[in-house]
Amino acid sequence: MAKLWADTPFALLPIPGQPGACTSTNPGVLSVCIEMANVHNALLRGLNSIYLQAPHVSNPTDIADFLLYTQSWADTVHHHHSLEEQLFFPAMKDLAVAAGIEASVMEANVEQHHAFEPKVQEMLQWVTAVRDGKTEWDAKVLVGLIDAFAETLTQHLHDEIETLIRLEPCDGEAVKKTMGEVATEGAKTADPVCQMTSSLELCLTKEVL
């Protein structure tokens, strides 16, 4: 069987600044776009790995571990987007207004969150039911639940980078500083077992501050 890599079926983001990808002449904005793209790719690779490996999991112990992995992925997505809505997007709105950009610049991203989050929660509820012994494991069901939100989620993860590129006129150092502050806060509030993205953000951001 051919090797299955976690860069499909849901397309990864091209890294901003690389040939063929979006870019910014504002160094602070570009650095944040790069770090956010890396975090989004981590989420997509996690989703791809679940989607690809689910049909091959059958041992009861492996199923239990795989369900925990899937729950951790869903919890990480929720934590990441909650941080954006509560801290990062409001700060970006203020910086955008100060730079003469419309205050609604980040609103489309929040609307996209609301479009896929209920479906992610449906998947998480099913995972919980299987872990609790109330529902039987069925890889086809899990894959179907992912299909219900994956396209919308993938589009959002790509679109958000384009939104951040629009912050080009903003104070780049302030944009980068905010990213670091939000990542630090995220590391404080993330479950150390089930939520890893905030720690990833923190490590990535420290390298560019």
N, C-alpha and C. Protein backbone atom coordinates (compact mmCIF):
# COMPACT_ATOMS: atom_id res chain seq x y z
N MET A 1 0.84 -1.19 0.00
CA MET A 1 0.00 0.00 0.00
C MET A 1 0.88 1.25 0.00
N ALA A 2 0.50 2.23 -0.79
CA ALA A 2 1.26 3.47 -0.83
C ALA A 2 1.21 4.17 0.52
N LYS A 3 2.29 4.87 0.85
CA LYS A 3 2.34 5.60 2.10
C LYS A 3 1.33 6.75 2.08
N LEU A 4 0.67 6.95 3.21
CA LEU A 4 -0.31 8.03 3.34
C LEU A 4 0.30 9.14 4.18
N TRP A 5 0.46 10.29 3.59
CA TRP A 5 1.06 11.42 4.30
C TRP A 5 -0.03 12.37 4.78
N ALA A 6 0.25 13.09 5.86
CA ALA A 6 -0.75 13.95 6.49
C ALA A 6 -0.86 15.32 5.83
N ASP A 7 -0.44 15.43 4.57
CA ASP A 7 -0.63 16.69 3.85
C ASP A 7 -1.82 16.61 2.89
N THR A 8 -2.58 15.52 2.95
CA THR A 8 -3.81 15.36 2.18
C THR A 8 -4.82 14.63 3.08
N PRO A 9 -6.11 14.65 2.78
CA PRO A 9 -6.75 15.22 1.60
C PRO A 9 -7.07 16.71 1.70
N PHE A 10 -6.96 17.28 2.89
CA PHE A 10 -7.31 18.68 3.09
C PHE A 10 -6.07 19.54 2.91
N ALA A 11 -6.12 20.45 1.96
CA ALA A 11 -4.94 21.15 1.45
C ALA A 11 -4.27 22.01 2.51
N LEU A 12 -2.96 21.88 2.61
CA LEU A 12 -2.18 22.72 3.51
C LEU A 12 -2.04 24.12 2.92
N LEU A 13 -1.69 25.07 3.80
CA LEU A 13 -1.50 26.46 3.36
C LEU A 13 -0.10 26.67 2.81
N PRO A 14 0.02 27.41 1.72
CA PRO A 14 1.36 27.87 1.32
C PRO A 14 1.83 28.88 2.35
N ILE A 15 3.10 28.87 2.67
CA ILE A 15 3.61 29.77 3.70
C ILE A 15 3.81 31.17 3.12
N PRO A 16 3.21 32.18 3.71
CA PRO A 16 3.33 33.54 3.20
C PRO A 16 4.79 33.96 3.01
N GLY A 17 5.02 34.66 1.91
CA GLY A 17 6.36 35.12 1.61
C GLY A 17 7.13 34.19 0.69
N GLN A 18 6.65 32.95 0.57
CA GLN A 18 7.30 32.02 -0.34
C GLN A 18 6.76 32.22 -1.75
N PRO A 19 7.49 31.78 -2.77
CA PRO A 19 7.04 31.96 -4.16
C PRO A 19 5.63 31.41 -4.38
N GLY A 20 4.78 32.23 -4.97
CA GLY A 20 3.42 31.82 -5.25
C GLY A 20 2.44 32.03 -4.12
N ALA A 21 2.92 32.42 -2.96
CA ALA A 21 2.04 32.64 -1.81
C ALA A 21 1.85 34.13 -1.58
N CYS A 22 0.81 34.48 -0.81
CA CYS A 22 0.60 35.88 -0.48
C CYS A 22 1.75 36.38 0.38
N THR A 23 1.95 37.69 0.39
CA THR A 23 3.04 38.24 1.17
C THR A 23 2.69 39.64 1.63
N SER A 24 3.56 40.22 2.44
CA SER A 24 3.38 41.58 2.95
C SER A 24 4.74 42.23 3.03
N THR A 25 4.77 43.53 2.73
CA THR A 25 6.02 44.28 2.87
C THR A 25 6.22 44.78 4.29
N ASN A 26 5.22 44.54 5.15
CA ASN A 26 5.30 44.91 6.56
C ASN A 26 5.89 43.72 7.32
N PRO A 27 7.13 43.81 7.81
CA PRO A 27 7.78 42.65 8.42
C PRO A 27 7.00 42.06 9.60
N GLY A 28 6.41 42.91 10.43
CA GLY A 28 5.66 42.41 11.58
C GLY A 28 4.42 41.64 11.15
N VAL A 29 3.70 42.19 10.18
CA VAL A 29 2.51 41.51 9.68
C VAL A 29 2.90 40.19 9.01
N LEU A 30 3.95 40.20 8.21
CA LEU A 30 4.38 38.99 7.53
C LEU A 30 4.78 37.91 8.52
N SER A 31 5.48 38.27 9.57
CA SER A 31 5.91 37.26 10.55
C SER A 31 4.71 36.61 11.22
N VAL A 32 3.68 37.41 11.53
CA VAL A 32 2.48 36.86 12.15
C VAL A 32 1.75 35.96 11.17
N CYS A 33 1.68 36.36 9.91
CA CYS A 33 1.03 35.53 8.90
C CYS A 33 1.75 34.20 8.75
N ILE A 34 3.06 34.21 8.79
CA ILE A 34 3.84 32.97 8.68
C ILE A 34 3.56 32.06 9.87
N GLU A 35 3.58 32.63 11.07
CA GLU A 35 3.35 31.80 12.26
C GLU A 35 1.93 31.26 12.29
N MET A 36 0.96 32.09 11.89
CA MET A 36 -0.42 31.62 11.88
C MET A 36 -0.61 30.53 10.83
N ALA A 37 0.03 30.67 9.69
CA ALA A 37 -0.05 29.64 8.66
C ALA A 37 0.54 28.32 9.16
N ASN A 38 1.64 28.40 9.90
CA ASN A 38 2.24 27.19 10.47
C ASN A 38 1.29 26.51 11.46
N VAL A 39 0.66 27.31 12.30
CA VAL A 39 -0.30 26.75 13.27
C VAL A 39 -1.47 26.12 12.52
N HIS A 40 -1.99 26.80 11.51
CA HIS A 40 -3.11 26.26 10.74
C HIS A 40 -2.71 24.96 10.05
N ASN A 41 -1.50 24.89 9.55
CA ASN A 41 -1.05 23.65 8.92
C ASN A 41 -0.94 22.52 9.94
N ALA A 42 -0.57 22.85 11.17
CA ALA A 42 -0.54 21.83 12.22
C ALA A 42 -1.94 21.27 12.46
N LEU A 43 -2.94 22.16 12.46
CA LEU A 43 -4.33 21.71 12.62
C LEU A 43 -4.76 20.85 11.45
N LEU A 44 -4.40 21.25 10.23
CA LEU A 44 -4.79 20.49 9.05
C LEU A 44 -4.09 19.13 9.01
N ARG A 45 -2.83 19.09 9.38
CA ARG A 45 -2.14 17.81 9.39
C ARG A 45 -2.76 16.87 10.44
N GLY A 46 -3.16 17.44 11.57
CA GLY A 46 -3.84 16.63 12.57
C GLY A 46 -5.13 16.05 12.03
N LEU A 47 -5.91 16.89 11.35
CA LEU A 47 -7.17 16.43 10.77
C LEU A 47 -6.92 15.39 9.68
N ASN A 48 -5.95 15.64 8.83
CA ASN A 48 -5.62 14.68 7.78
C ASN A 48 -5.22 13.33 8.37
N SER A 49 -4.44 13.36 9.44
CA SER A 49 -3.99 12.10 10.04
C SER A 49 -5.16 11.31 10.60
N ILE A 50 -6.13 11.99 11.20
CA ILE A 50 -7.32 11.32 11.71
C ILE A 50 -8.11 10.70 10.56
N TYR A 51 -8.30 11.48 9.52
CA TYR A 51 -9.10 11.06 8.37
C TYR A 51 -8.48 9.85 7.68
N LEU A 52 -7.16 9.88 7.53
CA LEU A 52 -6.47 8.81 6.81
C LEU A 52 -6.32 7.54 7.62
N GLN A 53 -6.11 7.69 8.92
CA GLN A 53 -5.81 6.52 9.74
C GLN A 53 -7.04 5.83 10.32
N ALA A 54 -8.16 6.54 10.40
CA ALA A 54 -9.36 5.97 11.02
C ALA A 54 -9.73 4.59 10.47
N PRO A 55 -9.71 4.38 9.14
CA PRO A 55 -10.12 3.07 8.62
C PRO A 55 -9.18 1.92 9.00
N HIS A 56 -8.00 2.24 9.50
CA HIS A 56 -7.02 1.21 9.82
C HIS A 56 -6.94 0.89 11.31
N VAL A 57 -7.80 1.52 12.10
CA VAL A 57 -7.78 1.32 13.55
C VAL A 57 -8.86 0.30 13.94
N SER A 58 -8.46 -0.80 14.58
CA SER A 58 -9.43 -1.83 14.93
C SER A 58 -9.19 -2.44 16.32
N ASN A 59 -7.95 -2.44 16.79
CA ASN A 59 -7.66 -2.99 18.10
C ASN A 59 -8.30 -2.11 19.18
N PRO A 60 -8.97 -2.68 20.18
CA PRO A 60 -9.65 -1.86 21.20
C PRO A 60 -8.75 -0.84 21.88
N THR A 61 -7.52 -1.23 22.20
CA THR A 61 -6.60 -0.28 22.83
C THR A 61 -6.26 0.84 21.87
N ASP A 62 -6.04 0.50 20.61
CA ASP A 62 -5.73 1.52 19.60
C ASP A 62 -6.92 2.45 19.39
N ILE A 63 -8.13 1.89 19.41
CA ILE A 63 -9.33 2.72 19.25
C ILE A 63 -9.42 3.74 20.37
N ALA A 64 -9.17 3.31 21.59
CA ALA A 64 -9.23 4.22 22.75
C ALA A 64 -8.21 5.34 22.59
N ASP A 65 -6.99 4.99 22.19
CA ASP A 65 -5.95 6.00 22.00
C ASP A 65 -6.32 6.95 20.85
N PHE A 66 -6.87 6.38 19.80
CA PHE A 66 -7.22 7.18 18.62
C PHE A 66 -8.34 8.15 18.94
N LEU A 67 -9.30 7.72 19.74
CA LEU A 67 -10.39 8.60 20.15
C LEU A 67 -9.88 9.76 21.00
N LEU A 68 -8.93 9.47 21.88
CA LEU A 68 -8.33 10.54 22.69
C LEU A 68 -7.60 11.53 21.79
N TYR A 69 -6.90 11.01 20.80
CA TYR A 69 -6.20 11.87 19.83
C TYR A 69 -7.19 12.77 19.09
N THR A 70 -8.29 12.18 18.67
CA THR A 70 -9.31 12.94 17.94
C THR A 70 -9.94 14.01 18.84
N GLN A 71 -10.23 13.63 20.09
CA GLN A 71 -10.77 14.61 21.04
C GLN A 71 -9.78 15.74 21.26
N SER A 72 -8.51 15.40 21.39
CA SER A 72 -7.48 16.42 21.61
C SER A 72 -7.42 17.39 20.45
N TRP A 73 -7.55 16.85 19.24
CA TRP A 73 -7.55 17.72 18.06
C TRP A 73 -8.73 18.69 18.10
N ALA A 74 -9.92 18.18 18.38
CA ALA A 74 -11.12 19.02 18.42
C ALA A 74 -11.02 20.06 19.54
N ASP A 75 -10.52 19.67 20.69
CA ASP A 75 -10.36 20.61 21.80
C ASP A 75 -9.35 21.71 21.45
N THR A 76 -8.31 21.33 20.72
CA THR A 76 -7.29 22.30 20.32
C THR A 76 -7.87 23.32 19.35
N VAL A 77 -8.66 22.85 18.40
CA VAL A 77 -9.31 23.76 17.45
C VAL A 77 -10.19 24.75 18.20
N HIS A 78 -10.98 24.24 19.13
CA HIS A 78 -11.87 25.13 19.89
C HIS A 78 -11.08 26.15 20.71
N HIS A 79 -10.03 25.70 21.37
CA HIS A 79 -9.22 26.60 22.18
C HIS A 79 -8.56 27.67 21.32
N HIS A 80 -8.02 27.26 20.19
CA HIS A 80 -7.36 28.20 19.27
C HIS A 80 -8.33 29.28 18.80
N HIS A 81 -9.50 28.88 18.39
CA HIS A 81 -10.45 29.85 17.86
C HIS A 81 -11.08 30.70 18.97
N SER A 82 -11.20 30.15 20.15
CA SER A 82 -11.70 30.95 21.28
C SER A 82 -10.71 32.06 21.61
N LEU A 83 -9.42 31.74 21.60
CA LEU A 83 -8.40 32.76 21.84
C LEU A 83 -8.47 33.86 20.78
N GLU A 84 -8.66 33.46 19.55
CA GLU A 84 -8.76 34.46 18.48
C GLU A 84 -9.94 35.39 18.72
N GLU A 85 -11.10 34.83 19.02
CA GLU A 85 -12.30 35.65 19.17
C GLU A 85 -12.24 36.54 20.42
N GLN A 86 -11.66 36.02 21.50
CA GLN A 86 -11.66 36.76 22.75
C GLN A 86 -10.52 37.78 22.84
N LEU A 87 -9.38 37.47 22.23
CA LEU A 87 -8.20 38.31 22.43
C LEU A 87 -7.59 38.85 21.13
N PHE A 88 -7.30 37.95 20.20
CA PHE A 88 -6.53 38.35 19.02
C PHE A 88 -7.32 39.22 18.06
N PHE A 89 -8.51 38.79 17.69
CA PHE A 89 -9.30 39.56 16.73
C PHE A 89 -9.68 40.95 17.25
N PRO A 90 -10.13 41.08 18.53
CA PRO A 90 -10.42 42.43 19.03
C PRO A 90 -9.21 43.35 18.98
N ALA A 91 -8.03 42.81 19.30
CA ALA A 91 -6.81 43.63 19.25
C ALA A 91 -6.48 44.02 17.82
N MET A 92 -6.66 43.09 16.88
CA MET A 92 -6.41 43.40 15.47
C MET A 92 -7.40 44.44 14.96
N LYS A 93 -8.64 44.38 15.44
CA LYS A 93 -9.64 45.38 15.06
C LYS A 93 -9.18 46.77 15.48
N ASP A 94 -8.69 46.90 16.71
CA ASP A 94 -8.24 48.20 17.19
C ASP A 94 -7.05 48.72 16.38
N LEU A 95 -6.12 47.83 16.06
CA LEU A 95 -4.96 48.24 15.27
C LEU A 95 -5.38 48.61 13.85
N ALA A 96 -6.37 47.89 13.32
CA ALA A 96 -6.86 48.19 11.98
C ALA A 96 -7.51 49.56 11.93
N VAL A 97 -8.35 49.85 12.91
CA VAL A 97 -9.03 51.16 12.95
C VAL A 97 -8.01 52.28 13.06
N ALA A 98 -6.98 52.07 13.88
CA ALA A 98 -5.93 53.08 14.04
C ALA A 98 -5.19 53.32 12.73
N ALA A 99 -5.16 52.30 11.86
CA ALA A 99 -4.46 52.42 10.58
C ALA A 99 -5.39 52.82 9.45
N GLY A 100 -6.66 53.09 9.77
CA GLY A 100 -7.60 53.52 8.75
C GLY A 100 -8.27 52.39 8.00
N ILE A 101 -8.22 51.17 8.55
CA ILE A 101 -8.87 50.02 7.94
C ILE A 101 -10.23 49.84 8.61
N GLU A 102 -11.21 49.32 7.84
CA GLU A 102 -12.56 49.18 8.39
C GLU A 102 -12.56 48.28 9.62
N ALA A 103 -13.41 48.64 10.58
CA ALA A 103 -13.45 47.92 11.86
C ALA A 103 -13.92 46.48 11.71
N SER A 104 -14.61 46.19 10.61
CA SER A 104 -15.18 44.85 10.42
C SER A 104 -14.19 43.87 9.79
N VAL A 105 -12.93 44.23 9.71
CA VAL A 105 -11.96 43.43 8.95
C VAL A 105 -11.88 41.98 9.41
N MET A 106 -12.09 41.72 10.71
CA MET A 106 -11.94 40.36 11.22
C MET A 106 -13.27 39.61 11.33
N GLU A 107 -14.39 40.27 11.05
CA GLU A 107 -15.70 39.68 11.33
C GLU A 107 -15.98 38.44 10.50
N ALA A 108 -15.53 38.42 9.25
CA ALA A 108 -15.79 37.25 8.41
C ALA A 108 -15.17 35.99 9.00
N ASN A 109 -14.03 36.16 9.67
CA ASN A 109 -13.38 35.00 10.28
C ASN A 109 -14.22 34.42 11.42
N VAL A 110 -14.84 35.30 12.19
CA VAL A 110 -15.70 34.85 13.29
C VAL A 110 -16.92 34.12 12.72
N GLU A 111 -17.48 34.66 11.64
CA GLU A 111 -18.64 34.02 11.00
C GLU A 111 -18.27 32.62 10.51
N GLN A 112 -17.07 32.47 9.99
CA GLN A 112 -16.63 31.15 9.55
C GLN A 112 -16.48 30.20 10.73
N HIS A 113 -15.98 30.70 11.87
CA HIS A 113 -15.90 29.87 13.07
C HIS A 113 -17.27 29.28 13.39
N HIS A 114 -18.28 30.13 13.35
CA HIS A 114 -19.62 29.71 13.72
C HIS A 114 -20.22 28.75 12.71
N ALA A 115 -19.68 28.76 11.50
CA ALA A 115 -20.20 27.87 10.46
C ALA A 115 -19.75 26.43 10.66
N PHE A 116 -18.51 26.23 11.12
CA PHE A 116 -18.03 24.85 11.25
C PHE A 116 -18.01 24.33 12.68
N GLU A 117 -18.01 25.20 13.68
CA GLU A 117 -17.88 24.74 15.06
C GLU A 117 -18.99 23.77 15.50
N PRO A 118 -20.27 24.00 15.13
CA PRO A 118 -21.29 23.03 15.55
C PRO A 118 -21.03 21.62 15.02
N LYS A 119 -20.52 21.53 13.79
CA LYS A 119 -20.23 20.22 13.22
C LYS A 119 -19.03 19.55 13.90
N VAL A 120 -18.04 20.36 14.28
CA VAL A 120 -16.91 19.81 15.04
C VAL A 120 -17.41 19.28 16.38
N GLN A 121 -18.33 20.00 17.00
CA GLN A 121 -18.89 19.56 18.27
C GLN A 121 -19.70 18.28 18.12
N GLU A 122 -20.38 18.13 16.98
CA GLU A 122 -21.10 16.88 16.72
C GLU A 122 -20.13 15.70 16.69
N MET A 123 -19.00 15.91 16.02
CA MET A 123 -17.98 14.86 15.98
C MET A 123 -17.48 14.55 17.38
N LEU A 124 -17.23 15.60 18.17
CA LEU A 124 -16.71 15.43 19.52
C LEU A 124 -17.72 14.69 20.39
N GLN A 125 -19.00 14.98 20.23
CA GLN A 125 -20.03 14.27 21.00
C GLN A 125 -20.05 12.78 20.65
N TRP A 126 -19.87 12.47 19.37
CA TRP A 126 -19.83 11.07 18.95
C TRP A 126 -18.60 10.38 19.55
N VAL A 127 -17.46 11.05 19.49
CA VAL A 127 -16.23 10.50 20.07
C VAL A 127 -16.43 10.22 21.55
N THR A 128 -17.04 11.15 22.26
CA THR A 128 -17.28 10.97 23.69
C THR A 128 -18.20 9.79 23.95
N ALA A 129 -19.22 9.64 23.11
CA ALA A 129 -20.16 8.53 23.27
C ALA A 129 -19.46 7.19 23.06
N VAL A 130 -18.55 7.12 22.10
CA VAL A 130 -17.81 5.88 21.87
C VAL A 130 -16.88 5.60 23.05
N ARG A 131 -16.20 6.63 23.52
CA ARG A 131 -15.28 6.45 24.65
C ARG A 131 -16.03 6.00 25.90
N ASP A 132 -17.28 6.46 26.05
CA ASP A 132 -18.07 6.10 27.22
C ASP A 132 -18.78 4.76 27.07
N GLY A 133 -18.61 4.10 25.92
CA GLY A 133 -19.24 2.81 25.70
C GLY A 133 -20.70 2.88 25.31
N LYS A 134 -21.19 4.06 24.95
CA LYS A 134 -22.59 4.23 24.58
C LYS A 134 -22.83 4.02 23.08
N THR A 135 -21.77 4.10 22.31
CA THR A 135 -21.84 3.93 20.86
C THR A 135 -20.66 3.09 20.40
N GLU A 136 -20.87 2.27 19.39
CA GLU A 136 -19.80 1.44 18.89
C GLU A 136 -18.89 2.22 17.93
N TRP A 137 -17.61 1.88 17.96
CA TRP A 137 -16.64 2.47 17.03
C TRP A 137 -16.97 2.08 15.60
N ASP A 138 -16.98 3.09 14.73
CA ASP A 138 -17.19 2.86 13.30
C ASP A 138 -16.42 3.94 12.55
N ALA A 139 -15.34 3.55 11.90
CA ALA A 139 -14.49 4.53 11.21
C ALA A 139 -15.26 5.29 10.15
N LYS A 140 -16.20 4.62 9.49
CA LYS A 140 -16.97 5.29 8.44
C LYS A 140 -17.80 6.43 9.01
N VAL A 141 -18.32 6.24 10.21
CA VAL A 141 -19.10 7.31 10.86
C VAL A 141 -18.20 8.49 11.16
N LEU A 142 -17.02 8.23 11.70
CA LEU A 142 -16.09 9.32 12.02
C LEU A 142 -15.69 10.08 10.76
N VAL A 143 -15.37 9.37 9.70
CA VAL A 143 -14.99 10.03 8.45
C VAL A 143 -16.16 10.87 7.93
N GLY A 144 -17.37 10.37 8.04
CA GLY A 144 -18.54 11.13 7.59
C GLY A 144 -18.74 12.40 8.40
N LEU A 145 -18.51 12.31 9.70
CA LEU A 145 -18.63 13.50 10.56
C LEU A 145 -17.58 14.54 10.20
N ILE A 146 -16.39 14.09 9.85
CA ILE A 146 -15.34 15.02 9.41
C ILE A 146 -15.72 15.65 8.09
N ASP A 147 -16.25 14.86 7.17
CA ASP A 147 -16.65 15.40 5.86
C ASP A 147 -17.67 16.54 6.01
N ALA A 148 -18.44 16.51 7.08
CA ALA A 148 -19.49 17.52 7.27
C ALA A 148 -18.93 18.91 7.56
N PHE A 149 -17.67 18.99 8.05
CA PHE A 149 -17.13 20.31 8.38
C PHE A 149 -15.78 20.61 7.73
N ALA A 150 -15.11 19.61 7.19
CA ALA A 150 -13.72 19.78 6.77
C ALA A 150 -13.54 20.83 5.69
N GLU A 151 -14.42 20.85 4.71
CA GLU A 151 -14.27 21.82 3.62
C GLU A 151 -14.40 23.25 4.14
N THR A 152 -15.39 23.48 5.01
CA THR A 152 -15.59 24.83 5.58
C THR A 152 -14.42 25.22 6.46
N LEU A 153 -13.94 24.29 7.27
CA LEU A 153 -12.80 24.57 8.14
C LEU A 153 -11.55 24.87 7.32
N THR A 154 -11.29 24.05 6.31
CA THR A 154 -10.11 24.25 5.48
C THR A 154 -10.16 25.62 4.81
N GLN A 155 -11.32 25.98 4.27
CA GLN A 155 -11.45 27.28 3.61
C GLN A 155 -11.17 28.41 4.60
N HIS A 156 -11.68 28.26 5.82
CA HIS A 156 -11.45 29.28 6.84
C HIS A 156 -9.96 29.43 7.15
N LEU A 157 -9.28 28.32 7.33
CA LEU A 157 -7.87 28.38 7.70
C LEU A 157 -7.04 29.05 6.61
N HIS A 158 -7.45 28.90 5.37
CA HIS A 158 -6.77 29.58 4.26
C HIS A 158 -7.16 31.06 4.23
N ASP A 159 -8.47 31.33 4.36
CA ASP A 159 -8.96 32.71 4.24
C ASP A 159 -8.41 33.62 5.32
N GLU A 160 -8.22 33.08 6.52
CA GLU A 160 -7.77 33.93 7.63
C GLU A 160 -6.41 34.56 7.35
N ILE A 161 -5.54 33.85 6.65
CA ILE A 161 -4.23 34.41 6.32
C ILE A 161 -4.39 35.59 5.37
N GLU A 162 -5.31 35.47 4.43
CA GLU A 162 -5.57 36.59 3.52
C GLU A 162 -6.08 37.81 4.29
N THR A 163 -6.88 37.56 5.33
CA THR A 163 -7.36 38.67 6.17
C THR A 163 -6.20 39.34 6.89
N LEU A 164 -5.30 38.53 7.43
CA LEU A 164 -4.17 39.10 8.15
C LEU A 164 -3.26 39.90 7.22
N ILE A 165 -3.13 39.47 5.99
CA ILE A 165 -2.33 40.22 5.02
C ILE A 165 -2.91 41.62 4.82
N ARG A 166 -4.21 41.76 4.96
CA ARG A 166 -4.87 43.06 4.80
C ARG A 166 -4.47 44.04 5.90
N LEU A 167 -3.81 43.55 6.95
CA LEU A 167 -3.36 44.43 8.02
C LEU A 167 -2.03 45.11 7.68
N GLU A 168 -1.63 45.03 6.44
CA GLU A 168 -0.38 45.63 5.97
C GLU A 168 -0.14 47.05 6.47
N PRO A 169 -1.16 47.95 6.47
CA PRO A 169 -0.92 49.33 6.91
C PRO A 169 -0.75 49.49 8.42
N CYS A 170 -0.99 48.42 9.18
CA CYS A 170 -0.98 48.53 10.64
C CYS A 170 0.45 48.61 11.19
N ASP A 171 0.54 48.94 12.45
CA ASP A 171 1.81 48.94 13.17
C ASP A 171 2.27 47.48 13.30
N GLY A 172 3.22 47.10 12.49
CA GLY A 172 3.64 45.71 12.44
C GLY A 172 4.19 45.18 13.74
N GLU A 173 4.93 46.02 14.45
CA GLU A 173 5.48 45.58 15.73
C GLU A 173 4.38 45.33 16.75
N ALA A 174 3.32 46.15 16.68
CA ALA A 174 2.19 45.94 17.59
C ALA A 174 1.43 44.67 17.24
N VAL A 175 1.31 44.38 15.94
CA VAL A 175 0.66 43.14 15.51
C VAL A 175 1.44 41.93 16.03
N LYS A 176 2.76 41.98 15.87
CA LYS A 176 3.60 40.87 16.31
C LYS A 176 3.59 40.73 17.83
N LYS A 177 3.61 41.86 18.53
CA LYS A 177 3.59 41.83 19.99
C LYS A 177 2.28 41.20 20.49
N THR A 178 1.18 41.56 19.84
CA THR A 178 -0.11 41.01 20.24
C THR A 178 -0.14 39.50 20.04
N MET A 179 0.41 39.04 18.93
CA MET A 179 0.47 37.61 18.67
C MET A 179 1.21 36.89 19.81
N GLY A 180 2.31 37.47 20.24
CA GLY A 180 3.07 36.87 21.33
C GLY A 180 2.30 36.85 22.63
N GLU A 181 1.59 37.93 22.91
CA GLU A 181 0.82 38.01 24.15
C GLU A 181 -0.32 36.99 24.16
N VAL A 182 -1.00 36.86 23.02
CA VAL A 182 -2.10 35.90 22.94
C VAL A 182 -1.57 34.47 23.05
N ALA A 183 -0.43 34.20 22.43
CA ALA A 183 0.16 32.87 22.53
C ALA A 183 0.53 32.55 23.97
N THR A 184 1.06 33.53 24.68
CA THR A 184 1.43 33.33 26.09
C THR A 184 0.19 33.02 26.92
N GLU A 185 -0.86 33.77 26.69
CA GLU A 185 -2.11 33.54 27.42
C GLU A 185 -2.68 32.18 27.08
N GLY A 186 -2.57 31.80 25.80
CA GLY A 186 -3.08 30.50 25.39
C GLY A 186 -2.35 29.35 26.06
N ALA A 187 -1.05 29.50 26.24
CA ALA A 187 -0.27 28.46 26.91
C ALA A 187 -0.69 28.30 28.37
N LYS A 188 -1.17 29.39 28.97
CA LYS A 188 -1.61 29.35 30.37
C LYS A 188 -2.95 28.62 30.51
N THR A 189 -3.82 28.76 29.52
CA THR A 189 -5.18 28.25 29.65
C THR A 189 -5.40 26.91 28.96
N ALA A 190 -4.43 26.45 28.16
CA ALA A 190 -4.60 25.19 27.43
C ALA A 190 -4.43 23.99 28.35
N ASP A 191 -5.22 22.96 28.09
CA ASP A 191 -5.04 21.68 28.76
C ASP A 191 -3.70 21.11 28.30
N PRO A 192 -2.76 20.83 29.20
CA PRO A 192 -1.43 20.37 28.79
C PRO A 192 -1.44 19.01 28.10
N VAL A 193 -2.51 18.24 28.28
CA VAL A 193 -2.61 16.93 27.65
C VAL A 193 -3.34 17.01 26.32
N CYS A 194 -4.46 17.76 26.31
CA CYS A 194 -5.36 17.71 25.15
C CYS A 194 -5.27 18.91 24.22
N GLN A 195 -4.54 19.94 24.58
CA GLN A 195 -4.48 21.11 23.72
C GLN A 195 -3.04 21.53 23.54
N MET A 196 -2.53 21.36 22.33
CA MET A 196 -1.11 21.61 22.08
C MET A 196 -0.85 22.83 21.21
N THR A 197 -1.86 23.32 20.50
CA THR A 197 -1.62 24.37 19.53
C THR A 197 -1.10 25.65 20.18
N SER A 198 -1.63 26.01 21.34
CA SER A 198 -1.19 27.24 21.98
C SER A 198 0.28 27.18 22.35
N SER A 199 0.73 26.01 22.81
CA SER A 199 2.15 25.85 23.10
C SER A 199 2.97 25.96 21.83
N LEU A 200 2.45 25.41 20.73
CA LEU A 200 3.13 25.52 19.45
C LEU A 200 3.23 26.98 19.04
N GLU A 201 2.12 27.71 19.20
CA GLU A 201 2.13 29.13 18.86
C GLU A 201 3.19 29.87 19.68
N LEU A 202 3.25 29.56 20.96
CA LEU A 202 4.19 30.24 21.83
C LEU A 202 5.62 29.98 21.37
N CYS A 203 5.94 28.73 21.05
CA CYS A 203 7.30 28.40 20.60
C CYS A 203 7.63 29.10 19.30
N LEU A 204 6.69 29.10 18.38
CA LEU A 204 6.94 29.73 17.09
C LEU A 204 7.12 31.25 17.24
N THR A 205 6.24 31.85 18.05
CA THR A 205 6.27 33.30 18.18
C THR A 205 7.55 33.77 18.88
N LYS A 206 8.03 33.02 19.85
CA LYS A 206 9.25 33.43 20.55
C LYS A 206 10.42 33.53 19.59
N GLU A 207 10.39 32.73 18.52
CA GLU A 207 11.48 32.73 17.57
C GLU A 207 11.53 34.00 16.74
N VAL A 208 10.39 34.71 16.64
CA VAL A 208 10.34 35.88 15.77
C VAL A 208 10.23 37.19 16.55
N LEU A 209 10.06 37.11 17.87
CA LEU A 209 9.95 38.34 18.66
C LEU A 209 11.32 39.00 18.85
